[in-house]
Amino acid sequence: MSVRFEQQRQFPRIEINTPAKITVISGGLRISKSIPCMIVNISAGGALLSFTYPMLETDFFLEMDKTPPFRVSCCVVRRVGNNVGVKFY
């Protein structure tokens, strides 16, 4: 992946390349939309997500189907093309 992503990592990341989605929350805590993505890699502190199209949202929930379900609040820390580096809250 991009050197810019590699140089700023605080935690070691694991390549997982698994489908997921983000859920964007609108004002008043109503769910406004879900957007499919790919989790390229993940760590205790964040992840690298890949989207089909550039993603403009800055705060959202990252969700992955598994048992138990995985859902975490995220904020964007960097963008390169259709790839987005996020930090977990």
PDB file of N, CA and C in Angstrom:
ATOM      1  N   MET A   1       0.845  -1.169   0.000  1.00  0.00           N
ATOM      2  CA  MET A   1       0.000   0.000   0.000  1.00  0.00           C
ATOM      3  C   MET A   1       0.889   1.230   0.000  1.00  0.00           C
ATOM      4  N   SER A   2       0.302   2.377   0.023  1.00  0.00           N
ATOM      5  CA  SER A   2       1.019   3.637  -0.062  1.00  0.00           C
ATOM      6  C   SER A   2       1.971   3.823   1.121  1.00  0.00           C
ATOM      7  N   VAL A   3       3.131   4.384   0.849  1.00  0.00           N
ATOM      8  CA  VAL A   3       4.109   4.639   1.897  1.00  0.00           C
ATOM      9  C   VAL A   3       3.536   5.582   2.941  1.00  0.00           C
ATOM     10  N   ARG A   4       2.688   6.528   2.537  1.00  0.00           N
ATOM     11  CA  ARG A   4       2.107   7.470   3.490  1.00  0.00           C
ATOM     12  C   ARG A   4       1.282   6.761   4.556  1.00  0.00           C
ATOM     13  N   PHE A   5       0.576   5.686   4.192  1.00  0.00           N
ATOM     14  CA  PHE A   5      -0.172   4.919   5.180  1.00  0.00           C
ATOM     15  C   PHE A   5       0.795   4.169   6.094  1.00  0.00           C
ATOM     16  N   GLU A   6       1.822   3.567   5.541  1.00  0.00           N
ATOM     17  CA  GLU A   6       2.755   2.740   6.305  1.00  0.00           C
ATOM     18  C   GLU A   6       3.504   3.553   7.367  1.00  0.00           C
ATOM     19  N   GLN A   7       3.956   4.755   7.044  1.00  0.00           N
ATOM     20  CA  GLN A   7       4.811   5.510   7.939  1.00  0.00           C
ATOM     21  C   GLN A   7       4.108   6.002   9.202  1.00  0.00           C
ATOM     22  N   GLN A   8       2.799   6.152   9.182  1.00  0.00           N
ATOM     23  CA  GLN A   8       2.109   6.741  10.312  1.00  0.00           C
ATOM     24  C   GLN A   8       1.380   5.726  11.179  1.00  0.00           C
ATOM     25  N   ARG A   9       1.605   4.458  10.994  1.00  0.00           N
ATOM     26  CA  ARG A   9       0.907   3.437  11.774  1.00  0.00           C
ATOM     27  C   ARG A   9       1.454   3.336  13.186  1.00  0.00           C
ATOM     28  N   GLN A  10       0.537   3.340  14.130  1.00  0.00           N
ATOM     29  CA  GLN A  10       0.907   3.220  15.538  1.00  0.00           C
ATOM     30  C   GLN A  10       0.872   1.759  15.997  1.00  0.00           C
ATOM     31  N   PHE A  11      -0.019   0.947  15.401  1.00  0.00           N
ATOM     32  CA  PHE A  11      -0.180  -0.458  15.754  1.00  0.00           C
ATOM     33  C   PHE A  11       0.098  -1.329  14.531  1.00  0.00           C
ATOM     34  N   PRO A  12       0.614  -2.541  14.722  1.00  0.00           N
ATOM     35  CA  PRO A  12       0.802  -3.450  13.589  1.00  0.00           C
ATOM     36  C   PRO A  12      -0.551  -3.819  12.987  1.00  0.00           C
ATOM     37  N   ARG A  13      -0.607  -3.901  11.678  1.00  0.00           N
ATOM     38  CA  ARG A  13      -1.869  -4.221  11.000  1.00  0.00           C
ATOM     39  C   ARG A  13      -1.824  -5.612  10.401  1.00  0.00           C
ATOM     40  N   ILE A  14      -3.011  -6.196  10.306  1.00  0.00           N
ATOM     41  CA  ILE A  14      -3.168  -7.534   9.734  1.00  0.00           C
ATOM     42  C   ILE A  14      -3.941  -7.398   8.427  1.00  0.00           C
ATOM     43  N   GLU A  15      -3.379  -7.934   7.345  1.00  0.00           N
ATOM     44  CA  GLU A  15      -4.072  -7.933   6.057  1.00  0.00           C
ATOM     45  C   GLU A  15      -5.249  -8.893   6.150  1.00  0.00           C
ATOM     46  N   ILE A  16      -6.481  -8.395   5.867  1.00  0.00           N
ATOM     47  CA  ILE A  16      -7.635  -9.288   5.927  1.00  0.00           C
ATOM     48  C   ILE A  16      -8.459  -9.293   4.647  1.00  0.00           C
ATOM     49  N   ASN A  17      -8.433  -8.207   3.864  1.00  0.00           N
ATOM     50  CA  ASN A  17      -9.154  -8.137   2.586  1.00  0.00           C
ATOM     51  C   ASN A  17     -10.533  -8.794   2.663  1.00  0.00           C
ATOM     52  N   THR A  18     -11.384  -8.235   3.498  1.00  0.00           N
ATOM     53  CA  THR A  18     -12.719  -8.794   3.690  1.00  0.00           C
ATOM     54  C   THR A  18     -13.784  -7.723   3.450  1.00  0.00           C
ATOM     55  N   PRO A  19     -14.925  -8.105   2.873  1.00  0.00           N
ATOM     56  CA  PRO A  19     -15.979  -7.116   2.645  1.00  0.00           C
ATOM     57  C   PRO A  19     -16.605  -6.639   3.948  1.00  0.00           C
ATOM     58  N   ALA A  20     -17.046  -5.394   3.925  1.00  0.00           N
ATOM     59  CA  ALA A  20     -17.695  -4.774   5.088  1.00  0.00           C
ATOM     60  C   ALA A  20     -18.593  -3.663   4.567  1.00  0.00           C
ATOM     61  N   LYS A  21     -19.099  -2.863   5.476  1.00  0.00           N
ATOM     62  CA  LYS A  21     -19.867  -1.686   5.079  1.00  0.00           C
ATOM     63  C   LYS A  21     -19.677  -0.618   6.132  1.00  0.00           C
ATOM     64  N   ILE A  22     -19.895   0.623   5.717  1.00  0.00           N
ATOM     65  CA  ILE A  22     -19.923   1.700   6.688  1.00  0.00           C
ATOM     66  C   ILE A  22     -21.364   2.185   6.772  1.00  0.00           C
ATOM     67  N   THR A  23     -21.751   2.610   7.958  1.00  0.00           N
ATOM     68  CA  THR A  23     -23.078   3.180   8.166  1.00  0.00           C
ATOM     69  C   THR A  23     -22.882   4.615   8.608  1.00  0.00           C
ATOM     70  N   VAL A  24     -23.407   5.516   7.806  1.00  0.00           N
ATOM     71  CA  VAL A  24     -23.275   6.945   8.076  1.00  0.00           C
ATOM     72  C   VAL A  24     -24.486   7.395   8.883  1.00  0.00           C
ATOM     73  N   ILE A  25     -24.237   8.111   9.953  1.00  0.00           N
ATOM     74  CA  ILE A  25     -25.307   8.578  10.836  1.00  0.00           C
ATOM     75  C   ILE A  25     -25.581  10.050  10.543  1.00  0.00           C
ATOM     76  N   SER A  26     -26.845  10.361  10.316  1.00  0.00           N
ATOM     77  CA  SER A  26     -27.222  11.753  10.059  1.00  0.00           C
ATOM     78  C   SER A  26     -27.589  12.438  11.368  1.00  0.00           C
ATOM     79  N   GLY A  27     -27.954  13.701  11.311  1.00  0.00           N
ATOM     80  CA  GLY A  27     -28.360  14.447  12.498  1.00  0.00           C
ATOM     81  C   GLY A  27     -29.510  13.752  13.214  1.00  0.00           C
ATOM     82  N   GLY A  28     -29.536  13.831  14.515  1.00  0.00           N
ATOM     83  CA  GLY A  28     -30.578  13.186  15.293  1.00  0.00           C
ATOM     84  C   GLY A  28     -30.382  11.694  15.430  1.00  0.00           C
ATOM     85  N   LEU A  29     -29.180  11.194  15.100  1.00  0.00           N
ATOM     86  CA  LEU A  29     -28.808   9.778  15.209  1.00  0.00           C
ATOM     87  C   LEU A  29     -29.669   8.853  14.352  1.00  0.00           C
ATOM     88  N   ARG A  30     -30.153   9.341  13.219  1.00  0.00           N
ATOM     89  CA  ARG A  30     -30.876   8.483  12.276  1.00  0.00           C
ATOM     90  C   ARG A  30     -29.882   7.930  11.274  1.00  0.00           C
ATOM     91  N   ILE A  31     -30.016   6.660  10.942  1.00  0.00           N
ATOM     92  CA  ILE A  31     -29.141   6.058   9.940  1.00  0.00           C
ATOM     93  C   ILE A  31     -29.530   6.622   8.581  1.00  0.00           C
ATOM     94  N   SER A  32     -28.566   7.168   7.870  1.00  0.00           N
ATOM     95  CA  SER A  32     -28.882   7.761   6.586  1.00  0.00           C
ATOM     96  C   SER A  32     -28.527   6.852   5.423  1.00  0.00           C
ATOM     97  N   LYS A  33     -27.427   6.115   5.506  1.00  0.00           N
ATOM     98  CA  LYS A  33     -27.067   5.224   4.404  1.00  0.00           C
ATOM     99  C   LYS A  33     -25.967   4.262   4.811  1.00  0.00           C
ATOM    100  N   SER A  34     -25.923   3.145   4.078  1.00  0.00           N
ATOM    101  CA  SER A  34     -24.839   2.168   4.225  1.00  0.00           C
ATOM    102  C   SER A  34     -24.081   2.120   2.918  1.00  0.00           C
ATOM    103  N   ILE A  35     -22.749   2.051   3.006  1.00  0.00           N
ATOM    104  CA  ILE A  35     -21.889   2.039   1.825  1.00  0.00           C
ATOM    105  C   ILE A  35     -20.972   0.824   1.919  1.00  0.00           C
ATOM    106  N   PRO A  36     -20.967  -0.046   0.892  1.00  0.00           N
ATOM    107  CA  PRO A  36     -20.072  -1.200   0.926  1.00  0.00           C
ATOM    108  C   PRO A  36     -18.614  -0.777   0.772  1.00  0.00           C
ATOM    109  N   CYS A  37     -17.723  -1.546   1.394  1.00  0.00           N
ATOM    110  CA  CYS A  37     -16.290  -1.289   1.283  1.00  0.00           C
ATOM    111  C   CYS A  37     -15.532  -2.596   1.479  1.00  0.00           C
ATOM    112  N   MET A  38     -14.223  -2.521   1.388  1.00  0.00           N
ATOM    113  CA  MET A  38     -13.338  -3.652   1.651  1.00  0.00           C
ATOM    114  C   MET A  38     -12.386  -3.224   2.756  1.00  0.00           C
ATOM    115  N   ILE A  39     -12.280  -4.036   3.813  1.00  0.00           N
ATOM    116  CA  ILE A  39     -11.265  -3.773   4.837  1.00  0.00           C
ATOM    117  C   ILE A  39      -9.978  -4.405   4.321  1.00  0.00           C
ATOM    118  N   VAL A  40      -9.031  -3.573   3.938  1.00  0.00           N
ATOM    119  CA  VAL A  40      -7.761  -4.057   3.397  1.00  0.00           C
ATOM    120  C   VAL A  40      -6.900  -4.605   4.522  1.00  0.00           C
ATOM    121  N   ASN A  41      -6.761  -3.812   5.591  1.00  0.00           N
ATOM    122  CA  ASN A  41      -6.029  -4.270   6.770  1.00  0.00           C
ATOM    123  C   ASN A  41      -6.620  -3.606   8.001  1.00  0.00           C
ATOM    124  N   ILE A  42      -6.304  -4.176   9.165  1.00  0.00           N
ATOM    125  CA  ILE A  42      -6.927  -3.711  10.402  1.00  0.00           C
ATOM    126  C   ILE A  42      -5.950  -3.896  11.561  1.00  0.00           C
ATOM    127  N   SER A  43      -6.098  -3.046  12.591  1.00  0.00           N
ATOM    128  CA  SER A  43      -5.285  -3.150  13.805  1.00  0.00           C
ATOM    129  C   SER A  43      -6.149  -2.767  14.998  1.00  0.00           C
ATOM    130  N   ALA A  44      -5.541  -2.714  16.160  1.00  0.00           N
ATOM    131  CA  ALA A  44      -6.272  -2.307  17.362  1.00  0.00           C
ATOM    132  C   ALA A  44      -6.705  -0.851  17.288  1.00  0.00           C
ATOM    133  N   GLY A  45      -6.010  -0.037  16.507  1.00  0.00           N
ATOM    134  CA  GLY A  45      -6.301   1.389  16.467  1.00  0.00           C
ATOM    135  C   GLY A  45      -7.000   1.908  15.243  1.00  0.00           C
ATOM    136  N   GLY A  46      -7.072   1.108  14.168  1.00  0.00           N
ATOM    137  CA  GLY A  46      -7.686   1.604  12.951  1.00  0.00           C
ATOM    138  C   GLY A  46      -7.652   0.590  11.829  1.00  0.00           C
ATOM    139  N   ALA A  47      -7.945   1.073  10.627  1.00  0.00           N
ATOM    140  CA  ALA A  47      -8.005   0.186   9.468  1.00  0.00           C
ATOM    141  C   ALA A  47      -7.783   0.982   8.196  1.00  0.00           C
ATOM    142  N   LEU A  48      -7.479   0.266   7.133  1.00  0.00           N
ATOM    143  CA  LEU A  48      -7.420   0.829   5.795  1.00  0.00           C
ATOM    144  C   LEU A  48      -8.602   0.264   5.034  1.00  0.00           C
ATOM    145  N   LEU A  49      -9.478   1.150   4.551  1.00  0.00           N
ATOM    146  CA  LEU A  49     -10.671   0.748   3.823  1.00  0.00           C
ATOM    147  C   LEU A  49     -10.533   1.143   2.364  1.00  0.00           C
ATOM    148  N   SER A  50     -11.090   0.327   1.492  1.00  0.00           N
ATOM    149  CA  SER A  50     -11.085   0.609   0.065  1.00  0.00           C
ATOM    150  C   SER A  50     -12.525   0.670  -0.422  1.00  0.00           C
ATOM    151  N   PHE A  51     -12.838   1.699  -1.200  1.00  0.00           N
ATOM    152  CA  PHE A  51     -14.183   1.913  -1.715  1.00  0.00           C
ATOM    153  C   PHE A  51     -14.167   1.883  -3.238  1.00  0.00           C
ATOM    154  N   THR A  52     -15.323   1.592  -3.834  1.00  0.00           N
ATOM    155  CA  THR A  52     -15.441   1.614  -5.289  1.00  0.00           C
ATOM    156  C   THR A  52     -15.299   3.041  -5.807  1.00  0.00           C
ATOM    157  N   TYR A  53     -15.866   3.989  -5.077  1.00  0.00           N
ATOM    158  CA  TYR A  53     -15.819   5.405  -5.443  1.00  0.00           C
ATOM    159  C   TYR A  53     -15.239   6.180  -4.272  1.00  0.00           C
ATOM    160  N   PRO A  54     -14.683   7.370  -4.520  1.00  0.00           N
ATOM    161  CA  PRO A  54     -14.189   8.169  -3.392  1.00  0.00           C
ATOM    162  C   PRO A  54     -15.294   8.385  -2.355  1.00  0.00           C
ATOM    163  N   MET A  55     -14.931   8.288  -1.097  1.00  0.00           N
ATOM    164  CA  MET A  55     -15.876   8.388   0.002  1.00  0.00           C
ATOM    165  C   MET A  55     -15.645   9.721   0.709  1.00  0.00           C
ATOM    166  N   LEU A  56     -16.727  10.492   0.910  1.00  0.00           N
ATOM    167  CA  LEU A  56     -16.595  11.840   1.451  1.00  0.00           C
ATOM    168  C   LEU A  56     -16.914  11.964   2.929  1.00  0.00           C
ATOM    169  N   GLU A  57     -17.589  10.990   3.514  1.00  0.00           N
ATOM    170  CA  GLU A  57     -17.965  11.066   4.921  1.00  0.00           C
ATOM    171  C   GLU A  57     -16.720  11.089   5.808  1.00  0.00           C
ATOM    172  N   THR A  58     -16.852  11.676   7.004  1.00  0.00           N
ATOM    173  CA  THR A  58     -15.706  11.739   7.911  1.00  0.00           C
ATOM    174  C   THR A  58     -15.880  10.920   9.180  1.00  0.00           C
ATOM    175  N   ASP A  59     -17.126  10.706   9.622  1.00  0.00           N
ATOM    176  CA  ASP A  59     -17.413   9.915  10.816  1.00  0.00           C
ATOM    177  C   ASP A  59     -18.499   8.898  10.481  1.00  0.00           C
ATOM    178  N   PHE A  60     -18.312   7.653  10.937  1.00  0.00           N
ATOM    179  CA  PHE A  60     -19.264   6.595  10.594  1.00  0.00           C
ATOM    180  C   PHE A  60     -18.981   5.368  11.443  1.00  0.00           C
ATOM    181  N   PHE A  61     -19.853   4.370  11.324  1.00  0.00           N
ATOM    182  CA  PHE A  61     -19.635   3.060  11.934  1.00  0.00           C
ATOM    183  C   PHE A  61     -19.116   2.118  10.856  1.00  0.00           C
ATOM    184  N   LEU A  62     -18.084   1.349  11.178  1.00  0.00           N
ATOM    185  CA  LEU A  62     -17.598   0.285  10.309  1.00  0.00           C
ATOM    186  C   LEU A  62     -18.212  -1.007  10.806  1.00  0.00           C
ATOM    187  N   GLU A  63     -18.827  -1.772   9.900  1.00  0.00           N
ATOM    188  CA  GLU A  63     -19.506  -3.005  10.280  1.00  0.00           C
ATOM    189  C   GLU A  63     -19.022  -4.165   9.421  1.00  0.00           C
ATOM    190  N   MET A  64     -18.803  -5.304  10.088  1.00  0.00           N
ATOM    191  CA  MET A  64     -18.394  -6.528   9.400  1.00  0.00           C
ATOM    192  C   MET A  64     -19.223  -7.671   9.967  1.00  0.00           C
ATOM    193  N   ASP A  65     -19.807  -8.480   9.079  1.00  0.00           N
ATOM    194  CA  ASP A  65     -20.589  -9.630   9.530  1.00  0.00           C
ATOM    195  C   ASP A  65     -19.666 -10.711  10.054  1.00  0.00           C
ATOM    196  N   LYS A  66     -19.814 -11.047  11.290  1.00  0.00           N
ATOM    197  CA  LYS A  66     -19.102 -12.152  11.924  1.00  0.00           C
ATOM    198  C   LYS A  66     -19.787 -12.428  13.245  1.00  0.00           C
ATOM    199  N   THR A  67     -19.369 -13.439  13.950  1.00  0.00           N
ATOM    200  CA  THR A  67     -19.962 -13.774  15.223  1.00  0.00           C
ATOM    201  C   THR A  67     -18.921 -13.579  16.314  1.00  0.00           C
ATOM    202  N   PRO A  68     -19.116 -12.703  17.267  1.00  0.00           N
ATOM    203  CA  PRO A  68     -20.204 -11.737  17.347  1.00  0.00           C
ATOM    204  C   PRO A  68     -20.007 -10.645  16.299  1.00  0.00           C
ATOM    205  N   PRO A  69     -21.082  -9.898  15.963  1.00  0.00           N
ATOM    206  CA  PRO A  69     -20.951  -8.846  14.947  1.00  0.00           C
ATOM    207  C   PRO A  69     -19.906  -7.807  15.354  1.00  0.00           C
ATOM    208  N   PHE A  70     -19.193  -7.310  14.377  1.00  0.00           N
ATOM    209  CA  PHE A  70     -18.149  -6.306  14.585  1.00  0.00           C
ATOM    210  C   PHE A  70     -18.705  -4.957  14.146  1.00  0.00           C
ATOM    211  N   ARG A  71     -18.748  -3.999  15.069  1.00  0.00           N
ATOM    212  CA  ARG A  71     -19.205  -2.644  14.742  1.00  0.00           C
ATOM    213  C   ARG A  71     -18.412  -1.674  15.594  1.00  0.00           C
ATOM    214  N   VAL A  72     -17.773  -0.695  14.950  1.00  0.00           N
ATOM    215  CA  VAL A  72     -16.927   0.250  15.672  1.00  0.00           C
ATOM    216  C   VAL A  72     -17.082   1.643  15.061  1.00  0.00           C
ATOM    217  N   SER A  73     -17.017   2.672  15.905  1.00  0.00           N
ATOM    218  CA  SER A  73     -17.045   4.063  15.438  1.00  0.00           C
ATOM    219  C   SER A  73     -15.685   4.428  14.869  1.00  0.00           C
ATOM    220  N   CYS A  74     -15.701   5.165  13.753  1.00  0.00           N
ATOM    221  CA  CYS A  74     -14.458   5.538  13.073  1.00  0.00           C
ATOM    222  C   CYS A  74     -14.468   7.005  12.676  1.00  0.00           C
ATOM    223  N   CYS A  75     -13.280   7.538  12.486  1.00  0.00           N
ATOM    224  CA  CYS A  75     -13.134   8.835  11.840  1.00  0.00           C
ATOM    225  C   CYS A  75     -11.987   8.728  10.840  1.00  0.00           C
ATOM    226  N   VAL A  76     -12.118   9.444   9.754  1.00  0.00           N
ATOM    227  CA  VAL A  76     -11.115   9.420   8.691  1.00  0.00           C
ATOM    228  C   VAL A  76      -9.898  10.223   9.137  1.00  0.00           C
ATOM    229  N   VAL A  77      -8.703   9.633   8.946  1.00  0.00           N
ATOM    230  CA  VAL A  77      -7.464  10.338   9.267  1.00  0.00           C
ATOM    231  C   VAL A  77      -6.651  10.650   8.017  1.00  0.00           C
ATOM    232  N   ARG A  78      -6.896   9.916   6.918  1.00  0.00           N
ATOM    233  CA  ARG A  78      -6.224  10.217   5.650  1.00  0.00           C
ATOM    234  C   ARG A  78      -6.965   9.575   4.492  1.00  0.00           C
ATOM    235  N   ARG A  79      -6.787  10.177   3.321  1.00  0.00           N
ATOM    236  CA  ARG A  79      -7.423   9.686   2.092  1.00  0.00           C
ATOM    237  C   ARG A  79      -6.398   9.677   0.969  1.00  0.00           C
ATOM    238  N   VAL A  80      -6.404   8.613   0.192  1.00  0.00           N
ATOM    239  CA  VAL A  80      -5.595   8.539  -1.023  1.00  0.00           C
ATOM    240  C   VAL A  80      -6.455   7.839  -2.064  1.00  0.00           C
ATOM    241  N   GLY A  81      -6.982   8.609  -3.013  1.00  0.00           N
ATOM    242  CA  GLY A  81      -7.863   8.039  -4.031  1.00  0.00           C
ATOM    243  C   GLY A  81      -9.100   7.444  -3.390  1.00  0.00           C
ATOM    244  N   ASN A  82      -9.357   6.155  -3.690  1.00  0.00           N
ATOM    245  CA  ASN A  82     -10.514   5.459  -3.131  1.00  0.00           C
ATOM    246  C   ASN A  82     -10.186   4.742  -1.824  1.00  0.00           C
ATOM    247  N   ASN A  83      -8.989   4.931  -1.297  1.00  0.00           N
ATOM    248  CA  ASN A  83      -8.591   4.319  -0.033  1.00  0.00           C
ATOM    249  C   ASN A  83      -8.687   5.328   1.100  1.00  0.00           C
ATOM    250  N   VAL A  84      -9.144   4.854   2.253  1.00  0.00           N
ATOM    251  CA  VAL A  84      -9.353   5.726   3.408  1.00  0.00           C
ATOM    252  C   VAL A  84      -8.744   5.060   4.643  1.00  0.00           C
ATOM    253  N   GLY A  85      -7.875   5.770   5.321  1.00  0.00           N
ATOM    254  CA  GLY A  85      -7.339   5.316   6.596  1.00  0.00           C
ATOM    255  C   GLY A  85      -8.230   5.844   7.712  1.00  0.00           C
ATOM    256  N   VAL A  86      -8.663   4.967   8.613  1.00  0.00           N
ATOM    257  CA  VAL A  86      -9.552   5.388   9.698  1.00  0.00           C
ATOM    258  C   VAL A  86      -8.939   5.059  11.049  1.00  0.00           C
ATOM    259  N   LYS A  87      -9.345   5.853  12.036  1.00  0.00           N
ATOM    260  CA  LYS A  87      -8.968   5.625  13.430  1.00  0.00           C
ATOM    261  C   LYS A  87     -10.235   5.204  14.148  1.00  0.00           C
ATOM    262  N   PHE A  88     -10.116   4.201  15.042  1.00  0.00           N
ATOM    263  CA  PHE A  88     -11.245   3.753  15.837  1.00  0.00           C
ATOM    264  C   PHE A  88     -11.397   4.626  17.067  1.00  0.00           C
ATOM    265  N   TYR A  89     -12.639   4.889  17.480  1.00  0.00           N
ATOM    266  CA  TYR A  89     -12.916   5.630  18.716  1.00  0.00           C
ATOM    267  C   TYR A  89     -12.969   4.665  19.861  1.00  0.00           C
TER     268      TYR A  89
END
